[in-house]
Amino acid sequence: MRTKAIDWTAALARLEVAVDTLASRHVAPGFALDRELAGAALDHVARYAAEGVPPGPYLEPSDRLLAFAIRHGVSLDWLLIGDVRGMICKAAAAT
């Protein structure tokens, strides 16, 4: 199976969209963006975008990026490679 390379600059842009959207929209009663975690995830991805990441067959994202995605229900497929299919299926399953 061939894995798609991560464009960290594009991933950073998608993460910025996610953080901005969660910070500026009503999501649900009681929902609150974890701003500290969002900042840590943004810092992590920005560092990868600036410095690059050595190529390899597997990605080892930081706990901060994973924690942000899990805590806020954001698809890692979309964040990292721009693949929206998982989000579409998750939304359809919730209806």
PDB file of N, CA and C in Angstrom:
ATOM      1  N   MET A   1       0.838  -1.175   0.000  1.00  0.00           N
ATOM      2  CA  MET A   1       0.000   0.000   0.000  1.00  0.00           C
ATOM      3  C   MET A   1       0.883   1.238   0.000  1.00  0.00           C
ATOM      4  N   ARG A   2       0.636   2.137  -0.884  1.00  0.00           N
ATOM      5  CA  ARG A   2       1.410   3.369  -0.979  1.00  0.00           C
ATOM      6  C   ARG A   2       0.775   4.433  -0.088  1.00  0.00           C
ATOM      7  N   THR A   3       1.592   5.092   0.714  1.00  0.00           N
ATOM      8  CA  THR A   3       1.074   6.146   1.568  1.00  0.00           C
ATOM      9  C   THR A   3       1.292   7.498   0.914  1.00  0.00           C
ATOM     10  N   LYS A   4       0.383   8.405   1.166  1.00  0.00           N
ATOM     11  CA  LYS A   4       0.472   9.744   0.603  1.00  0.00           C
ATOM     12  C   LYS A   4       1.380  10.591   1.492  1.00  0.00           C
ATOM     13  N   ALA A   5       2.294  11.314   0.882  1.00  0.00           N
ATOM     14  CA  ALA A   5       3.186  12.184   1.636  1.00  0.00           C
ATOM     15  C   ALA A   5       2.393  13.351   2.211  1.00  0.00           C
ATOM     16  N   ILE A   6       2.807  13.800   3.365  1.00  0.00           N
ATOM     17  CA  ILE A   6       2.134  14.914   4.017  1.00  0.00           C
ATOM     18  C   ILE A   6       2.792  16.220   3.604  1.00  0.00           C
ATOM     19  N   ASP A   7       1.984  17.125   3.108  1.00  0.00           N
ATOM     20  CA  ASP A   7       2.416  18.487   2.824  1.00  0.00           C
ATOM     21  C   ASP A   7       2.114  19.277   4.096  1.00  0.00           C
ATOM     22  N   TRP A   8       3.143  19.509   4.908  1.00  0.00           N
ATOM     23  CA  TRP A   8       2.943  20.128   6.221  1.00  0.00           C
ATOM     24  C   TRP A   8       2.464  21.564   6.126  1.00  0.00           C
ATOM     25  N   THR A   9       2.800  22.269   5.065  1.00  0.00           N
ATOM     26  CA  THR A   9       2.289  23.629   4.891  1.00  0.00           C
ATOM     27  C   THR A   9       0.779  23.592   4.673  1.00  0.00           C
ATOM     28  N   ALA A  10       0.323  22.663   3.854  1.00  0.00           N
ATOM     29  CA  ALA A  10      -1.117  22.496   3.623  1.00  0.00           C
ATOM     30  C   ALA A  10      -1.810  21.992   4.888  1.00  0.00           C
ATOM     31  N   ALA A  11      -1.157  21.089   5.620  1.00  0.00           N
ATOM     32  CA  ALA A  11      -1.731  20.585   6.876  1.00  0.00           C
ATOM     33  C   ALA A  11      -1.889  21.725   7.880  1.00  0.00           C
ATOM     34  N   LEU A  12      -0.903  22.607   7.940  1.00  0.00           N
ATOM     35  CA  LEU A  12      -0.990  23.757   8.833  1.00  0.00           C
ATOM     36  C   LEU A  12      -2.174  24.639   8.457  1.00  0.00           C
ATOM     37  N   ALA A  13      -2.368  24.871   7.177  1.00  0.00           N
ATOM     38  CA  ALA A  13      -3.502  25.682   6.731  1.00  0.00           C
ATOM     39  C   ALA A  13      -4.828  25.042   7.131  1.00  0.00           C
ATOM     40  N   ARG A  14      -4.940  23.712   6.992  1.00  0.00           N
ATOM     41  CA  ARG A  14      -6.176  23.028   7.376  1.00  0.00           C
ATOM     42  C   ARG A  14      -6.381  23.088   8.892  1.00  0.00           C
ATOM     43  N   LEU A  15      -5.309  22.937   9.655  1.00  0.00           N
ATOM     44  CA  LEU A  15      -5.419  23.021  11.108  1.00  0.00           C
ATOM     45  C   LEU A  15      -5.841  24.428  11.532  1.00  0.00           C
ATOM     46  N   GLU A  16      -5.310  25.435  10.876  1.00  0.00           N
ATOM     47  CA  GLU A  16      -5.714  26.813  11.171  1.00  0.00           C
ATOM     48  C   GLU A  16      -7.204  27.015  10.893  1.00  0.00           C
ATOM     49  N   VAL A  17      -7.718  26.438   9.816  1.00  0.00           N
ATOM     50  CA  VAL A  17      -9.146  26.512   9.505  1.00  0.00           C
ATOM     51  C   VAL A  17      -9.954  25.836  10.611  1.00  0.00           C
ATOM     52  N   ALA A  18      -9.506  24.663  11.045  1.00  0.00           N
ATOM     53  CA  ALA A  18     -10.221  23.935  12.101  1.00  0.00           C
ATOM     54  C   ALA A  18     -10.255  24.751  13.390  1.00  0.00           C
ATOM     55  N   VAL A  19      -9.114  25.281  13.797  1.00  0.00           N
ATOM     56  CA  VAL A  19      -9.043  26.045  15.045  1.00  0.00           C
ATOM     57  C   VAL A  19      -9.904  27.302  14.938  1.00  0.00           C
ATOM     58  N   ASP A  20      -9.787  28.024  13.823  1.00  0.00           N
ATOM     59  CA  ASP A  20     -10.579  29.239  13.649  1.00  0.00           C
ATOM     60  C   ASP A  20     -12.077  28.931  13.654  1.00  0.00           C
ATOM     61  N   THR A  21     -12.464  27.878  12.980  1.00  0.00           N
ATOM     62  CA  THR A  21     -13.872  27.500  12.922  1.00  0.00           C
ATOM     63  C   THR A  21     -14.399  27.146  14.309  1.00  0.00           C
ATOM     64  N   LEU A  22     -13.663  26.331  15.045  1.00  0.00           N
ATOM     65  CA  LEU A  22     -14.104  25.928  16.378  1.00  0.00           C
ATOM     66  C   LEU A  22     -14.104  27.091  17.363  1.00  0.00           C
ATOM     67  N   ALA A  23     -13.228  28.068  17.136  1.00  0.00           N
ATOM     68  CA  ALA A  23     -13.136  29.225  18.028  1.00  0.00           C
ATOM     69  C   ALA A  23     -14.210  30.270  17.740  1.00  0.00           C
ATOM     70  N   SER A  24     -14.711  30.302  16.515  1.00  0.00           N
ATOM     71  CA  SER A  24     -15.580  31.410  16.126  1.00  0.00           C
ATOM     72  C   SER A  24     -17.027  31.005  15.837  1.00  0.00           C
ATOM     73  N   ARG A  25     -17.352  29.749  16.004  1.00  0.00           N
ATOM     74  CA  ARG A  25     -18.710  29.283  15.714  1.00  0.00           C
ATOM     75  C   ARG A  25     -19.317  28.609  16.940  1.00  0.00           C
ATOM     76  N   HIS A  26     -20.649  28.629  16.980  1.00  0.00           N
ATOM     77  CA  HIS A  26     -21.342  27.845  18.009  1.00  0.00           C
ATOM     78  C   HIS A  26     -21.312  26.388  17.543  1.00  0.00           C
ATOM     79  N   VAL A  27     -20.766  25.525  18.362  1.00  0.00           N
ATOM     80  CA  VAL A  27     -20.657  24.106  18.000  1.00  0.00           C
ATOM     81  C   VAL A  27     -21.786  23.320  18.645  1.00  0.00           C
ATOM     82  N   ALA A  28     -21.908  23.430  19.949  1.00  0.00           N
ATOM     83  CA  ALA A  28     -22.948  22.730  20.697  1.00  0.00           C
ATOM     84  C   ALA A  28     -22.994  23.322  22.097  1.00  0.00           C
ATOM     85  N   PRO A  29     -24.106  23.167  22.784  1.00  0.00           N
ATOM     86  CA  PRO A  29     -24.156  23.649  24.162  1.00  0.00           C
ATOM     87  C   PRO A  29     -23.040  23.002  24.995  1.00  0.00           C
ATOM     88  N   GLY A  30     -22.304  23.821  25.696  1.00  0.00           N
ATOM     89  CA  GLY A  30     -21.234  23.315  26.548  1.00  0.00           C
ATOM     90  C   GLY A  30     -19.907  23.086  25.855  1.00  0.00           C
ATOM     91  N   PHE A  31     -19.854  23.212  24.533  1.00  0.00           N
ATOM     92  CA  PHE A  31     -18.592  23.005  23.821  1.00  0.00           C
ATOM     93  C   PHE A  31     -17.679  24.196  24.046  1.00  0.00           C
ATOM     94  N   ALA A  32     -16.417  23.908  24.261  1.00  0.00           N
ATOM     95  CA  ALA A  32     -15.409  24.966  24.357  1.00  0.00           C
ATOM     96  C   ALA A  32     -14.125  24.474  23.713  1.00  0.00           C
ATOM     97  N   LEU A  33     -13.570  25.300  22.859  1.00  0.00           N
ATOM     98  CA  LEU A  33     -12.286  24.978  22.249  1.00  0.00           C
ATOM     99  C   LEU A  33     -11.219  24.981  23.326  1.00  0.00           C
ATOM    100  N   ASP A  34     -10.418  23.956  23.348  1.00  0.00           N
ATOM    101  CA  ASP A  34      -9.265  23.909  24.247  1.00  0.00           C
ATOM    102  C   ASP A  34      -8.160  24.725  23.577  1.00  0.00           C
ATOM    103  N   ARG A  35      -8.081  25.992  23.926  1.00  0.00           N
ATOM    104  CA  ARG A  35      -7.164  26.913  23.254  1.00  0.00           C
ATOM    105  C   ARG A  35      -5.696  26.561  23.501  1.00  0.00           C
ATOM    106  N   GLU A  36      -5.393  26.077  24.680  1.00  0.00           N
ATOM    107  CA  GLU A  36      -4.010  25.684  24.972  1.00  0.00           C
ATOM    108  C   GLU A  36      -3.591  24.505  24.099  1.00  0.00           C
ATOM    109  N   LEU A  37      -4.453  23.525  24.002  1.00  0.00           N
ATOM    110  CA  LEU A  37      -4.168  22.356  23.167  1.00  0.00           C
ATOM    111  C   LEU A  37      -4.104  22.745  21.692  1.00  0.00           C
ATOM    112  N   ALA A  38      -5.010  23.617  21.256  1.00  0.00           N
ATOM    113  CA  ALA A  38      -5.000  24.086  19.865  1.00  0.00           C
ATOM    114  C   ALA A  38      -3.684  24.802  19.560  1.00  0.00           C
ATOM    115  N   GLY A  39      -3.239  25.647  20.478  1.00  0.00           N
ATOM    116  CA  GLY A  39      -1.977  26.356  20.283  1.00  0.00           C
ATOM    117  C   GLY A  39      -0.797  25.410  20.197  1.00  0.00           C
ATOM    118  N   ALA A  40      -0.796  24.389  21.044  1.00  0.00           N
ATOM    119  CA  ALA A  40       0.290  23.408  21.023  1.00  0.00           C
ATOM    120  C   ALA A  40       0.297  22.629  19.710  1.00  0.00           C
ATOM    121  N   ALA A  41      -0.889  22.260  19.229  1.00  0.00           N
ATOM    122  CA  ALA A  41      -0.975  21.543  17.953  1.00  0.00           C
ATOM    123  C   ALA A  41      -0.517  22.434  16.802  1.00  0.00           C
ATOM    124  N   LEU A  42      -0.936  23.691  16.814  1.00  0.00           N
ATOM    125  CA  LEU A  42      -0.500  24.631  15.773  1.00  0.00           C
ATOM    126  C   LEU A  42       1.012  24.806  15.792  1.00  0.00           C
ATOM    127  N   ASP A  43       1.594  24.939  16.976  1.00  0.00           N
ATOM    128  CA  ASP A  43       3.052  25.074  17.083  1.00  0.00           C
ATOM    129  C   ASP A  43       3.762  23.856  16.502  1.00  0.00           C
ATOM    130  N   HIS A  44       3.250  22.669  16.815  1.00  0.00           N
ATOM    131  CA  HIS A  44       3.840  21.419  16.336  1.00  0.00           C
ATOM    132  C   HIS A  44       3.828  21.360  14.811  1.00  0.00           C
ATOM    133  N   VAL A  45       2.666  21.611  14.215  1.00  0.00           N
ATOM    134  CA  VAL A  45       2.542  21.508  12.768  1.00  0.00           C
ATOM    135  C   VAL A  45       3.319  22.635  12.081  1.00  0.00           C
ATOM    136  N   ALA A  46       3.335  23.814  12.678  1.00  0.00           N
ATOM    137  CA  ALA A  46       4.108  24.928  12.109  1.00  0.00           C
ATOM    138  C   ALA A  46       5.592  24.590  12.100  1.00  0.00           C
ATOM    139  N   ARG A  47       6.080  23.925  13.130  1.00  0.00           N
ATOM    140  CA  ARG A  47       7.487  23.524  13.169  1.00  0.00           C
ATOM    141  C   ARG A  47       7.781  22.515  12.064  1.00  0.00           C
ATOM    142  N   TYR A  48       6.891  21.545  11.868  1.00  0.00           N
ATOM    143  CA  TYR A  48       7.075  20.585  10.788  1.00  0.00           C
ATOM    144  C   TYR A  48       7.051  21.283   9.433  1.00  0.00           C
ATOM    145  N   ALA A  49       6.152  22.262   9.274  1.00  0.00           N
ATOM    146  CA  ALA A  49       6.059  22.980   8.003  1.00  0.00           C
ATOM    147  C   ALA A  49       7.334  23.778   7.739  1.00  0.00           C
ATOM    148  N   ALA A  50       7.902  24.355   8.786  1.00  0.00           N
ATOM    149  CA  ALA A  50       9.100  25.188   8.625  1.00  0.00           C
ATOM    150  C   ALA A  50      10.369  24.365   8.458  1.00  0.00           C
ATOM    151  N   GLU A  51      10.488  23.304   9.234  1.00  0.00           N
ATOM    152  CA  GLU A  51      11.728  22.520   9.276  1.00  0.00           C
ATOM    153  C   GLU A  51      11.694  21.295   8.390  1.00  0.00           C
ATOM    154  N   GLY A  52      10.513  20.861   8.019  1.00  0.00           N
ATOM    155  CA  GLY A  52      10.391  19.621   7.271  1.00  0.00           C
ATOM    156  C   GLY A  52      10.478  18.424   8.203  1.00  0.00           C
ATOM    157  N   VAL A  53      10.113  17.300   7.682  1.00  0.00           N
ATOM    158  CA  VAL A  53      10.120  16.056   8.442  1.00  0.00           C
ATOM    159  C   VAL A  53      10.864  15.028   7.615  1.00  0.00           C
ATOM    160  N   PRO A  54      11.783  14.299   8.224  1.00  0.00           N
ATOM    161  CA  PRO A  54      12.482  13.272   7.455  1.00  0.00           C
ATOM    162  C   PRO A  54      11.494  12.283   6.828  1.00  0.00           C
ATOM    163  N   PRO A  55      11.690  11.904   5.564  1.00  0.00           N
ATOM    164  CA  PRO A  55      10.771  10.957   4.941  1.00  0.00           C
ATOM    165  C   PRO A  55      10.844   9.605   5.621  1.00  0.00           C
ATOM    166  N   GLY A  56       9.733   8.963   5.685  1.00  0.00           N
ATOM    167  CA  GLY A  56       9.674   7.628   6.279  1.00  0.00           C
ATOM    168  C   GLY A  56       8.334   7.013   5.974  1.00  0.00           C
ATOM    169  N   PRO A  57       8.201   5.714   6.183  1.00  0.00           N
ATOM    170  CA  PRO A  57       6.949   5.047   5.840  1.00  0.00           C
ATOM    171  C   PRO A  57       5.826   5.345   6.821  1.00  0.00           C
ATOM    172  N   TYR A  58       6.149   5.793   8.029  1.00  0.00           N
ATOM    173  CA  TYR A  58       5.126   5.998   9.041  1.00  0.00           C
ATOM    174  C   TYR A  58       5.257   7.387   9.644  1.00  0.00           C
ATOM    175  N   LEU A  59       4.146   7.950   9.998  1.00  0.00           N
ATOM    176  CA  LEU A  59       4.108   9.232  10.661  1.00  0.00           C
ATOM    177  C   LEU A  59       3.958   8.995  12.160  1.00  0.00           C
ATOM    178  N   GLU A  60       4.695   9.723  12.932  1.00  0.00           N
ATOM    179  CA  GLU A  60       4.542   9.664  14.385  1.00  0.00           C
ATOM    180  C   GLU A  60       4.160  11.055  14.875  1.00  0.00           C
ATOM    181  N   PRO A  61       2.876  11.415  14.755  1.00  0.00           N
ATOM    182  CA  PRO A  61       2.464  12.744  15.191  1.00  0.00           C
ATOM    183  C   PRO A  61       2.613  12.897  16.699  1.00  0.00           C
ATOM    184  N   SER A  62       2.765  14.111  17.119  1.00  0.00           N
ATOM    185  CA  SER A  62       2.930  14.360  18.547  1.00  0.00           C
ATOM    186  C   SER A  62       1.634  14.095  19.296  1.00  0.00           C
ATOM    187  N   ASP A  63       1.761  13.911  20.586  1.00  0.00           N
ATOM    188  CA  ASP A  63       0.579  13.734  21.419  1.00  0.00           C
ATOM    189  C   ASP A  63      -0.330  14.949  21.328  1.00  0.00           C
ATOM    190  N   ARG A  64       0.241  16.145  21.138  1.00  0.00           N
ATOM    191  CA  ARG A  64      -0.567  17.370  21.070  1.00  0.00           C
ATOM    192  C   ARG A  64      -1.479  17.373  19.861  1.00  0.00           C
ATOM    193  N   LEU A  65      -0.963  17.009  18.713  1.00  0.00           N
ATOM    194  CA  LEU A  65      -1.779  16.986  17.504  1.00  0.00           C
ATOM    195  C   LEU A  65      -2.852  15.901  17.601  1.00  0.00           C
ATOM    196  N   LEU A  66      -2.470  14.735  18.051  1.00  0.00           N
ATOM    197  CA  LEU A  66      -3.454  13.659  18.230  1.00  0.00           C
ATOM    198  C   LEU A  66      -4.506  14.046  19.254  1.00  0.00           C
ATOM    199  N   ALA A  67      -4.073  14.620  20.366  1.00  0.00           N
ATOM    200  CA  ALA A  67      -5.015  15.016  21.416  1.00  0.00           C
ATOM    201  C   ALA A  67      -5.990  16.070  20.910  1.00  0.00           C
ATOM    202  N   PHE A  68      -5.492  17.031  20.125  1.00  0.00           N
ATOM    203  CA  PHE A  68      -6.386  18.045  19.565  1.00  0.00           C
ATOM    204  C   PHE A  68      -7.432  17.390  18.673  1.00  0.00           C
ATOM    205  N   ALA A  69      -6.995  16.534  17.773  1.00  0.00           N
ATOM    206  CA  ALA A  69      -7.919  15.883  16.838  1.00  0.00           C
ATOM    207  C   ALA A  69      -8.955  15.050  17.585  1.00  0.00           C
ATOM    208  N   ILE A  70      -8.524  14.293  18.570  1.00  0.00           N
ATOM    209  CA  ILE A  70      -9.448  13.443  19.325  1.00  0.00           C
ATOM    210  C   ILE A  70     -10.405  14.287  20.162  1.00  0.00           C
ATOM    211  N   ARG A  71      -9.875  15.253  20.883  1.00  0.00           N
ATOM    212  CA  ARG A  71     -10.687  16.086  21.786  1.00  0.00           C
ATOM    213  C   ARG A  71     -11.765  16.855  21.028  1.00  0.00           C
ATOM    214  N   HIS A  72     -11.448  17.295  19.806  1.00  0.00           N
ATOM    215  CA  HIS A  72     -12.370  18.140  19.074  1.00  0.00           C
ATOM    216  C   HIS A  72     -13.061  17.436  17.904  1.00  0.00           C
ATOM    217  N   GLY A  73     -12.820  16.142  17.728  1.00  0.00           N
ATOM    218  CA  GLY A  73     -13.504  15.376  16.691  1.00  0.00           C
ATOM    219  C   GLY A  73     -13.087  15.737  15.275  1.00  0.00           C
ATOM    220  N   VAL A  74     -11.849  16.192  15.124  1.00  0.00           N
ATOM    221  CA  VAL A  74     -11.352  16.586  13.805  1.00  0.00           C
ATOM    222  C   VAL A  74     -10.629  15.402  13.166  1.00  0.00           C
ATOM    223  N   SER A  75     -10.943  15.140  11.912  1.00  0.00           N
ATOM    224  CA  SER A  75     -10.369  14.006  11.198  1.00  0.00           C
ATOM    225  C   SER A  75      -8.877  14.198  10.921  1.00  0.00           C
ATOM    226  N   LEU A  76      -8.064  13.238  11.348  1.00  0.00           N
ATOM    227  CA  LEU A  76      -6.638  13.282  11.018  1.00  0.00           C
ATOM    228  C   LEU A  76      -6.412  13.100   9.519  1.00  0.00           C
ATOM    229  N   ASP A  77      -7.265  12.330   8.864  1.00  0.00           N
ATOM    230  CA  ASP A  77      -7.149  12.168   7.411  1.00  0.00           C
ATOM    231  C   ASP A  77      -7.262  13.531   6.726  1.00  0.00           C
ATOM    232  N   TRP A  78      -8.212  14.337   7.195  1.00  0.00           N
ATOM    233  CA  TRP A  78      -8.383  15.653   6.587  1.00  0.00           C
ATOM    234  C   TRP A  78      -7.245  16.584   6.991  1.00  0.00           C
ATOM    235  N   LEU A  79      -6.916  16.607   8.291  1.00  0.00           N
ATOM    236  CA  LEU A  79      -5.850  17.494   8.745  1.00  0.00           C
ATOM    237  C   LEU A  79      -4.537  17.226   8.026  1.00  0.00           C
ATOM    238  N   LEU A  80      -4.162  15.968   7.935  1.00  0.00           N
ATOM    239  CA  LEU A  80      -2.824  15.635   7.456  1.00  0.00           C
ATOM    240  C   LEU A  80      -2.710  15.496   5.944  1.00  0.00           C
ATOM    241  N   ILE A  81      -3.726  14.953   5.296  1.00  0.00           N
ATOM    242  CA  ILE A  81      -3.591  14.728   3.847  1.00  0.00           C
ATOM    243  C   ILE A  81      -4.739  15.302   3.028  1.00  0.00           C
ATOM    244  N   GLY A  82      -5.681  15.979   3.676  1.00  0.00           N
ATOM    245  CA  GLY A  82      -6.760  16.623   2.947  1.00  0.00           C
ATOM    246  C   GLY A  82      -7.834  15.681   2.448  1.00  0.00           C
ATOM    247  N   ASP A  83      -7.915  14.488   3.021  1.00  0.00           N
ATOM    248  CA  ASP A  83      -8.901  13.491   2.597  1.00  0.00           C
ATOM    249  C   ASP A  83     -10.175  13.675   3.427  1.00  0.00           C
ATOM    250  N   VAL A  84     -11.252  14.091   2.788  1.00  0.00           N
ATOM    251  CA  VAL A  84     -12.497  14.384   3.498  1.00  0.00           C
ATOM    252  C   VAL A  84     -13.442  13.184   3.630  1.00  0.00           C
ATOM    253  N   ARG A  85     -13.095  12.062   3.040  1.00  0.00           N
ATOM    254  CA  ARG A  85     -14.028  10.924   3.028  1.00  0.00           C
ATOM    255  C   ARG A  85     -14.420  10.447   4.419  1.00  0.00           C
ATOM    256  N   GLY A  86     -13.473  10.427   5.344  1.00  0.00           N
ATOM    257  CA  GLY A  86     -13.787  10.006   6.714  1.00  0.00           C
ATOM    258  C   GLY A  86     -14.785  10.937   7.381  1.00  0.00           C
ATOM    259  N   MET A  87     -14.625  12.236   7.163  1.00  0.00           N
ATOM    260  CA  MET A  87     -15.566  13.206   7.751  1.00  0.00           C
ATOM    261  C   MET A  87     -16.941  13.053   7.152  1.00  0.00           C
ATOM    262  N   ILE A  88     -17.021  12.798   5.863  1.00  0.00           N
ATOM    263  CA  ILE A  88     -18.304  12.616   5.204  1.00  0.00           C
ATOM    264  C   ILE A  88     -19.019  11.393   5.766  1.00  0.00           C
ATOM    265  N   CYS A  89     -18.314  10.284   5.905  1.00  0.00           N
ATOM    266  CA  CYS A  89     -18.918   9.059   6.434  1.00  0.00           C
ATOM    267  C   CYS A  89     -19.335   9.224   7.897  1.00  0.00           C
ATOM    268  N   LYS A  90     -18.507   9.901   8.687  1.00  0.00           N
ATOM    269  CA  LYS A  90     -18.825  10.126  10.108  1.00  0.00           C
ATOM    270  C   LYS A  90     -20.096  10.974  10.233  1.00  0.00           C
ATOM    271  N   ALA A  91     -20.196  12.014   9.419  1.00  0.00           N
ATOM    272  CA  ALA A  91     -21.382  12.870   9.455  1.00  0.00           C
ATOM    273  C   ALA A  91     -22.617  12.104   9.017  1.00  0.00           C
ATOM    274  N   ALA A  92     -22.500  11.290   7.980  1.00  0.00           N
ATOM    275  CA  ALA A  92     -23.638  10.512   7.492  1.00  0.00           C
ATOM    276  C   ALA A  92     -24.080   9.495   8.532  1.00  0.00           C
ATOM    277  N   ALA A  93     -23.134   8.914   9.243  1.00  0.00           N
ATOM    278  CA  ALA A  93     -23.459   7.917  10.263  1.00  0.00           C
ATOM    279  C   ALA A  93     -24.179   8.550  11.458  1.00  0.00           C
ATOM    280  N   ALA A  94     -23.950   9.832  11.689  1.00  0.00           N
ATOM    281  CA  ALA A  94     -24.540  10.514  12.839  1.00  0.00           C
ATOM    282  C   ALA A  94     -25.993  10.937  12.587  1.00  0.00           C
ATOM    283  N   THR A  95     -26.458  10.798  11.339  1.00  0.00           N
ATOM    284  CA  THR A  95     -27.815  11.250  11.038  1.00  0.00           C
ATOM    285  C   THR A  95     -28.842  10.178  11.332  1.00  0.00           C
TER     286      THR A  95
END
